[in-house]
Amino acid sequence: MSAVVPWELAIKTNLGKLGTQTLLANWAAKVAEEGFSELPIDCGDAIRAGLLPGYHKDPFDRMLAAQAQATGRPIISPDRVFDAYGVRRIW
């Protein structure tokens, strides 16, 4: 689970767009319960995301694409624009 996911959720919660306070408060436990591992964001990810072609304008989604390219892990999203980045997409 990319660190970008809770980061985006926290921003949207703070803006009043989502009500995910409880989920965020229990994030680590929920990630462990679901059997996911955490994928931190590193400088290589940041550079890769910044240099990606502008198919997707959302910086969070660009980070997900960059991490998927680097790790070979799939992105879980119905957004077909990820296909332009040559990553595996589920959904």
C-alpha atoms as a PDB file:
ATOM      1  CA  MET A   1       0.000   0.000   0.000  1.00  0.00           C
ATOM      2  CA  SER A   2       1.662   3.186  -1.166  1.00  0.00           C
ATOM      3  CA  ALA A   3       2.125   5.945   1.389  1.00  0.00           C
ATOM      4  CA  VAL A   4       0.437   8.221  -1.140  1.00  0.00           C
ATOM      5  CA  VAL A   5      -2.948   6.586  -0.391  1.00  0.00           C
ATOM      6  CA  PRO A   6      -3.318   7.675   3.255  1.00  0.00           C
ATOM      7  CA  TRP A   7      -1.693  11.011   2.401  1.00  0.00           C
ATOM      8  CA  GLU A   8      -4.392  11.761  -0.173  1.00  0.00           C
ATOM      9  CA  LEU A   9      -7.135  10.474   2.145  1.00  0.00           C
ATOM     10  CA  ALA A  10      -5.861  12.713   4.946  1.00  0.00           C
ATOM     11  CA  ILE A  11      -5.850  15.790   2.712  1.00  0.00           C
ATOM     12  CA  LYS A  12      -9.382  15.109   1.475  1.00  0.00           C
ATOM     13  CA  THR A  13     -10.548  14.434   5.033  1.00  0.00           C
ATOM     14  CA  ASN A  14      -8.996  17.679   6.212  1.00  0.00           C
ATOM     15  CA  LEU A  15     -10.815  19.540   3.409  1.00  0.00           C
ATOM     16  CA  GLY A  16     -14.113  17.982   4.481  1.00  0.00           C
ATOM     17  CA  LYS A  17     -14.468  15.945   1.279  1.00  0.00           C
ATOM     18  CA  LEU A  18     -14.198  12.554   3.015  1.00  0.00           C
ATOM     19  CA  GLY A  19     -15.087  11.232   6.450  1.00  0.00           C
ATOM     20  CA  THR A  20     -12.168   8.882   6.925  1.00  0.00           C
ATOM     21  CA  GLN A  21     -10.911  10.051  10.325  1.00  0.00           C
ATOM     22  CA  THR A  22     -11.524   6.652  11.954  1.00  0.00           C
ATOM     23  CA  LEU A  23      -9.840   4.786   9.111  1.00  0.00           C
ATOM     24  CA  LEU A  24      -6.826   7.087   9.259  1.00  0.00           C
ATOM     25  CA  ALA A  25      -6.598   6.790  13.040  1.00  0.00           C
ATOM     26  CA  ASN A  26      -6.404   3.006  12.653  1.00  0.00           C
ATOM     27  CA  TRP A  27      -4.446   2.928   9.401  1.00  0.00           C
ATOM     28  CA  ALA A  28      -1.499   0.767  10.491  1.00  0.00           C
ATOM     29  CA  ALA A  29      -3.768  -1.825  12.078  1.00  0.00           C
ATOM     30  CA  LYS A  30      -6.033  -1.946   9.021  1.00  0.00           C
ATOM     31  CA  VAL A  31      -3.094  -2.346   6.643  1.00  0.00           C
ATOM     32  CA  ALA A  32      -1.774  -5.226   8.761  1.00  0.00           C
ATOM     33  CA  GLU A  33      -5.237  -6.787   9.114  1.00  0.00           C
ATOM     34  CA  GLU A  34      -5.680  -6.826   5.328  1.00  0.00           C
ATOM     35  CA  GLY A  35      -2.230  -8.362   4.855  1.00  0.00           C
ATOM     36  CA  PHE A  36      -0.839  -5.403   2.941  1.00  0.00           C
ATOM     37  CA  SER A  37       2.672  -4.097   3.297  1.00  0.00           C
ATOM     38  CA  GLU A  38       3.548  -0.423   3.281  1.00  0.00           C
ATOM     39  CA  LEU A  39       5.359   1.087   0.309  1.00  0.00           C
ATOM     40  CA  PRO A  40       7.140   4.294   1.334  1.00  0.00           C
ATOM     41  CA  ILE A  41       7.816   7.150  -1.052  1.00  0.00           C
ATOM     42  CA  ASP A  42      11.492   7.707  -1.713  1.00  0.00           C
ATOM     43  CA  CYS A  43      13.480  10.237  -3.718  1.00  0.00           C
ATOM     44  CA  GLY A  44      13.657   7.931  -6.735  1.00  0.00           C
ATOM     45  CA  ASP A  45       9.847   7.719  -6.735  1.00  0.00           C
ATOM     46  CA  ALA A  46       9.610  11.500  -6.550  1.00  0.00           C
ATOM     47  CA  ILE A  47      11.942  11.998  -9.493  1.00  0.00           C
ATOM     48  CA  ARG A  48      10.230   9.301 -11.554  1.00  0.00           C
ATOM     49  CA  ALA A  49       6.767  10.785 -10.854  1.00  0.00           C
ATOM     50  CA  GLY A  50       7.949  14.280 -11.710  1.00  0.00           C
ATOM     51  CA  LEU A  51       9.403  13.158 -15.031  1.00  0.00           C
ATOM     52  CA  LEU A  52       6.407  11.093 -16.164  1.00  0.00           C
ATOM     53  CA  PRO A  53       4.531  12.259 -19.263  1.00  0.00           C
ATOM     54  CA  GLY A  54       1.502  14.336 -18.332  1.00  0.00           C
ATOM     55  CA  TYR A  55      -1.173  11.764 -19.146  1.00  0.00           C
ATOM     56  CA  HIS A  56      -2.507  12.152 -15.615  1.00  0.00           C
ATOM     57  CA  LYS A  57      -2.563  15.563 -13.964  1.00  0.00           C
ATOM     58  CA  ASP A  58      -3.201  14.343 -10.392  1.00  0.00           C
ATOM     59  CA  PRO A  59       0.174  14.266  -8.575  1.00  0.00           C
ATOM     60  CA  PHE A  60      -0.995  11.465  -6.257  1.00  0.00           C
ATOM     61  CA  ASP A  61      -1.924   9.257  -9.196  1.00  0.00           C
ATOM     62  CA  ARG A  62       1.339  10.095 -10.943  1.00  0.00           C
ATOM     63  CA  MET A  63       3.173   8.894  -7.824  1.00  0.00           C
ATOM     64  CA  LEU A  64       1.171   5.651  -7.889  1.00  0.00           C
ATOM     65  CA  ALA A  65       2.129   5.181 -11.553  1.00  0.00           C
ATOM     66  CA  ALA A  66       5.790   5.861 -10.809  1.00  0.00           C
ATOM     67  CA  GLN A  67       5.837   3.371  -7.954  1.00  0.00           C
ATOM     68  CA  ALA A  68       4.023   0.762 -10.044  1.00  0.00           C
ATOM     69  CA  GLN A  69       6.625   1.186 -12.786  1.00  0.00           C
ATOM     70  CA  ALA A  70       9.477   0.812 -10.307  1.00  0.00           C
ATOM     71  CA  THR A  71       8.113  -2.158  -8.389  1.00  0.00           C
ATOM     72  CA  GLY A  72       5.985  -3.983 -10.934  1.00  0.00           C
ATOM     73  CA  ARG A  73       3.083  -3.900  -8.473  1.00  0.00           C
ATOM     74  CA  PRO A  74      -0.394  -3.299  -9.874  1.00  0.00           C
ATOM     75  CA  ILE A  75      -2.528  -0.219  -9.392  1.00  0.00           C
ATOM     76  CA  ILE A  76      -6.055  -0.843  -8.171  1.00  0.00           C
ATOM     77  CA  SER A  77      -8.163   1.701 -10.028  1.00  0.00           C
ATOM     78  CA  PRO A  78     -10.853   1.914 -12.687  1.00  0.00           C
ATOM     79  CA  ASP A  79      -9.008   4.917 -14.193  1.00  0.00           C
ATOM     80  CA  ARG A  80      -7.809   3.810 -17.636  1.00  0.00           C
ATOM     81  CA  VAL A  81      -5.313   6.658 -17.944  1.00  0.00           C
ATOM     82  CA  PHE A  82      -2.897   4.497 -15.924  1.00  0.00           C
ATOM     83  CA  ASP A  83      -2.701   2.181 -18.939  1.00  0.00           C
ATOM     84  CA  ALA A  84      -0.780   4.896 -20.802  1.00  0.00           C
ATOM     85  CA  TYR A  85       2.031   4.503 -18.253  1.00  0.00           C
ATOM     86  CA  GLY A  86       2.450   0.817 -19.072  1.00  0.00           C
ATOM     87  CA  VAL A  87       1.583  -0.395 -15.595  1.00  0.00           C
ATOM     88  CA  ARG A  88      -0.639  -3.300 -14.588  1.00  0.00           C
ATOM     89  CA  ARG A  89      -4.061  -2.103 -13.485  1.00  0.00           C
ATOM     90  CA  ILE A  90      -6.671  -4.113 -11.614  1.00  0.00           C
ATOM     91  CA  TRP A  91     -10.349  -3.122 -11.760  1.00  0.00           C
END
